[in-house]
Structure formats: structure tokens, C-alpha cells
N, C-alpha and C. Protein backbone atom coordinates (compact mmCIF):
# COMPACT_ATOMS: atom_id res chain seq x y z
N UNK A 1 88.14 21.84 -21.82
CA UNK A 1 87.44 22.83 -21.32
C UNK A 1 86.08 23.29 -21.32
N UNK A 2 85.57 23.91 -20.75
CA UNK A 2 84.45 24.11 -19.62
C UNK A 2 83.92 24.78 -20.57
N UNK A 3 82.46 24.34 -20.47
CA UNK A 3 81.21 24.98 -21.74
C UNK A 3 81.09 26.22 -21.33
N UNK A 4 81.10 27.23 -22.37
CA UNK A 4 81.04 28.72 -22.01
C UNK A 4 82.11 29.64 -21.77
N UNK A 5 83.04 28.84 -21.44
CA UNK A 5 84.34 29.75 -21.38
C UNK A 5 84.99 30.49 -22.16
N UNK A 6 84.73 29.74 -23.38
CA UNK A 6 85.52 30.73 -24.60
C UNK A 6 84.45 31.52 -25.08
N UNK A 7 83.39 32.00 -24.54
CA UNK A 7 82.52 32.50 -25.04
C UNK A 7 82.84 33.53 -23.97
N UNK A 8 82.78 33.84 -22.39
CA UNK A 8 82.75 34.39 -21.45
C UNK A 8 84.47 34.35 -21.07
N UNK A 9 85.50 35.05 -21.55
CA UNK A 9 87.04 35.17 -21.18
C UNK A 9 86.66 34.85 -19.37
N UNK A 10 85.89 36.05 -18.70
CA UNK A 10 86.33 36.68 -17.17
C UNK A 10 85.78 35.19 -16.64
N UNK A 11 84.77 34.64 -17.12
CA UNK A 11 84.37 32.89 -16.54
C UNK A 11 86.15 32.33 -15.87
N UNK A 12 85.71 32.39 -17.38
CA UNK A 12 86.97 31.77 -17.42
C UNK A 12 88.70 31.72 -16.35
N UNK A 13 88.74 32.59 -15.99
CA UNK A 13 89.49 32.83 -14.75
C UNK A 13 88.75 32.89 -13.46
N UNK A 14 87.66 32.97 -13.31
CA UNK A 14 86.77 32.61 -12.40
C UNK A 14 86.68 30.99 -11.86
N UNK A 15 86.57 30.23 -13.26
CA UNK A 15 86.50 28.98 -13.23
C UNK A 15 88.02 28.55 -12.74
N UNK A 16 89.04 29.22 -13.06
CA UNK A 16 90.07 28.15 -12.99
C UNK A 16 90.95 28.71 -11.39
N UNK A 17 90.49 29.89 -11.22
CA UNK A 17 90.14 30.10 -9.57
C UNK A 17 89.99 30.55 -8.95
N UNK A 18 88.75 30.49 -8.43
CA UNK A 18 87.89 31.19 -7.78
C UNK A 18 87.57 29.84 -6.91
N UNK A 19 87.20 29.74 -6.15
CA UNK A 19 86.31 29.17 -5.47
C UNK A 19 85.04 28.06 -5.68
N UNK A 20 84.64 27.34 -5.08
CA UNK A 20 83.87 26.04 -5.51
C UNK A 20 82.57 26.74 -5.38
N UNK A 21 82.51 27.27 -4.52
CA UNK A 21 80.88 28.65 -4.49
C UNK A 21 80.80 29.49 -6.30
N UNK A 22 82.21 30.32 -5.91
CA UNK A 22 81.97 30.90 -7.42
C UNK A 22 81.35 30.09 -8.78
N UNK A 23 82.50 29.24 -8.58
CA UNK A 23 82.41 28.20 -9.89
C UNK A 23 80.76 27.31 -10.02
N UNK A 24 80.43 26.85 -8.74
CA UNK A 24 79.11 26.98 -8.95
C UNK A 24 78.23 27.82 -9.74
N UNK A 25 78.47 29.17 -9.11
CA UNK A 25 77.62 30.04 -9.24
C UNK A 25 77.89 30.40 -10.92
N UNK A 26 78.77 30.09 -11.58
CA UNK A 26 79.20 30.95 -12.71
C UNK A 26 78.31 29.88 -13.66
N UNK A 27 78.68 27.89 -13.44
CA UNK A 27 77.80 27.42 -13.59
C UNK A 27 76.47 27.44 -13.95
N UNK A 28 75.83 27.49 -13.28
CA UNK A 28 74.75 27.89 -13.12
C UNK A 28 74.48 29.25 -13.59
N UNK A 29 74.97 29.97 -14.07
CA UNK A 29 74.23 31.44 -14.79
C UNK A 29 74.64 30.59 -16.00
N UNK A 30 75.98 30.60 -16.20
CA UNK A 30 75.68 29.58 -17.89
C UNK A 30 74.75 28.75 -18.27
N UNK A 31 74.42 27.86 -17.51
CA UNK A 31 73.17 27.33 -17.34
C UNK A 31 71.87 27.39 -18.02
N UNK A 32 71.78 28.54 -17.23
CA UNK A 32 70.38 29.22 -17.06
C UNK A 32 70.65 30.21 -18.68
N UNK A 33 71.36 30.82 -18.88
CA UNK A 33 71.79 31.35 -20.35
C UNK A 33 71.59 30.52 -21.21
N UNK A 34 71.82 29.63 -21.06
CA UNK A 34 72.29 28.41 -23.18
C UNK A 34 70.77 28.10 -22.78
N UNK A 35 70.03 27.92 -21.57
CA UNK A 35 68.38 27.44 -21.60
C UNK A 35 67.96 28.15 -22.03
N UNK A 36 67.91 29.50 -21.14
CA UNK A 36 67.01 30.76 -22.06
C UNK A 36 67.16 30.53 -23.34
N UNK A 37 68.49 30.45 -23.89
CA UNK A 37 68.44 30.98 -25.52
C UNK A 37 67.99 29.57 -26.23
N UNK A 38 68.10 28.38 -25.61
CA UNK A 38 67.42 27.22 -26.40
C UNK A 38 66.11 27.68 -26.62
N UNK A 39 65.43 27.69 -25.24
CA UNK A 39 64.21 28.05 -25.35
C UNK A 39 63.80 29.27 -26.77
N UNK A 40 64.30 30.10 -26.75
CA UNK A 40 64.42 30.94 -27.40
C UNK A 40 64.16 30.37 -28.97
N UNK A 41 65.39 29.71 -29.18
CA UNK A 41 65.37 29.47 -31.16
C UNK A 41 64.32 27.95 -30.96
N UNK A 42 63.76 27.95 -30.04
CA UNK A 42 62.96 26.57 -30.29
C UNK A 42 61.52 26.80 -30.39
N UNK A 43 61.19 28.43 -29.69
CA UNK A 43 59.89 28.64 -30.03
C UNK A 43 59.71 29.20 -31.23
N UNK A 44 60.72 29.88 -31.82
CA UNK A 44 61.40 30.40 -33.05
C UNK A 44 60.56 29.51 -33.86
N UNK A 45 61.69 28.31 -33.70
CA UNK A 45 61.25 27.09 -34.80
C UNK A 45 60.52 26.64 -35.45
N UNK A 46 59.69 26.51 -33.39
CA UNK A 46 58.34 26.13 -33.83
C UNK A 46 56.95 27.09 -34.61
N UNK A 47 57.57 28.44 -33.97
CA UNK A 47 56.58 29.19 -35.00
C UNK A 47 56.95 29.14 -36.41
N UNK A 48 57.88 28.97 -36.79
CA UNK A 48 58.53 29.16 -38.55
C UNK A 48 58.03 27.73 -39.01
N UNK A 49 58.11 26.73 -38.25
CA UNK A 49 57.47 25.44 -39.18
C UNK A 49 55.77 25.98 -38.77
N UNK A 50 55.39 25.92 -38.13
CA UNK A 50 54.28 26.55 -37.80
C UNK A 50 53.26 27.21 -39.04
N UNK A 51 54.07 28.56 -39.70
CA UNK A 51 53.81 29.30 -40.32
C UNK A 51 54.33 28.73 -41.85
N UNK A 52 55.43 28.12 -41.85
CA UNK A 52 55.40 27.52 -43.37
C UNK A 52 54.54 26.58 -43.34
N UNK A 53 54.14 25.60 -42.43
CA UNK A 53 52.99 24.27 -43.04
C UNK A 53 51.19 25.31 -43.09
N UNK A 54 51.06 26.65 -42.79
CA UNK A 54 50.23 27.12 -43.62
C UNK A 54 50.28 27.66 -44.45
N UNK A 55 51.57 28.52 -44.74
CA UNK A 55 51.12 28.41 -46.65
C UNK A 55 51.57 27.37 -46.65
N UNK A 56 52.22 25.90 -46.63
CA UNK A 56 51.70 25.20 -47.72
C UNK A 56 50.71 24.22 -47.58
N UNK A 57 49.42 24.75 -46.52
CA UNK A 57 48.29 24.41 -47.05
C UNK A 57 47.55 25.79 -48.06
N UNK A 58 47.61 26.87 -47.40
CA UNK A 58 47.08 27.73 -48.72
C UNK A 58 47.71 27.26 -50.07
N UNK A 59 49.40 26.48 -50.22
CA UNK A 59 49.24 26.76 -51.52
C UNK A 59 48.30 25.13 -52.38
N UNK A 60 48.59 24.13 -51.88
CA UNK A 60 47.67 23.37 -52.04
C UNK A 60 46.05 23.32 -51.90
N UNK A 61 45.69 24.00 -51.42
CA UNK A 61 44.19 24.19 -51.61
C UNK A 61 44.00 25.14 -52.63
N UNK A 62 44.89 26.15 -53.63
CA UNK A 62 44.68 26.86 -54.68
C UNK A 62 44.96 25.87 -55.54
N UNK A 63 43.63 26.14 -56.54
CA UNK A 63 43.07 25.78 -57.91
C UNK A 63 44.99 26.01 -58.89
N UNK A 64 44.83 24.56 -59.40
CA UNK A 64 45.75 24.42 -60.51
C UNK A 64 45.22 24.63 -61.74
N UNK A 65 46.23 25.61 -62.60
CA UNK A 65 46.10 25.60 -63.82
C UNK A 65 45.67 24.14 -64.68
N UNK A 66 45.60 22.89 -64.97
CA UNK A 66 45.73 22.24 -65.42
C UNK A 66 44.54 21.45 -65.74
């Protein structure tokens, strides 16, 4: 099965019955959608890791009760 066809049922019809140009357009569109989603996820992950690293540093700097 083509990547993304299960997510976008209309694309499945185009990929099965469409011309080569329309198939390329659909695949190109899917690629750009996936790339944008991956970029957003990686940005959020980096922010999360930076934030957790900052919290960890603050916790390490706090004086212990011992």
C-alpha cells in the first residue's frame, strides 16, 4: 500500500486510477505534509528536552537537606 493512502482515502482513488502526473502530485503533497509534521514534532521534542534539561540543572543546584 502507498504511504498515506490509509490516512487520505481520496488519495487512494487518485493513486489507483489517476495519471502519472496526478500520482506524482499526490505523492509530493503527502511528502510535504509528512515533512512538515516531522519538523513540528522534532521542534517540540527539542524544546521539551531543553526544558527538562533546565529543570534538571535547577534541581541539581538546589541545596539538599543532608
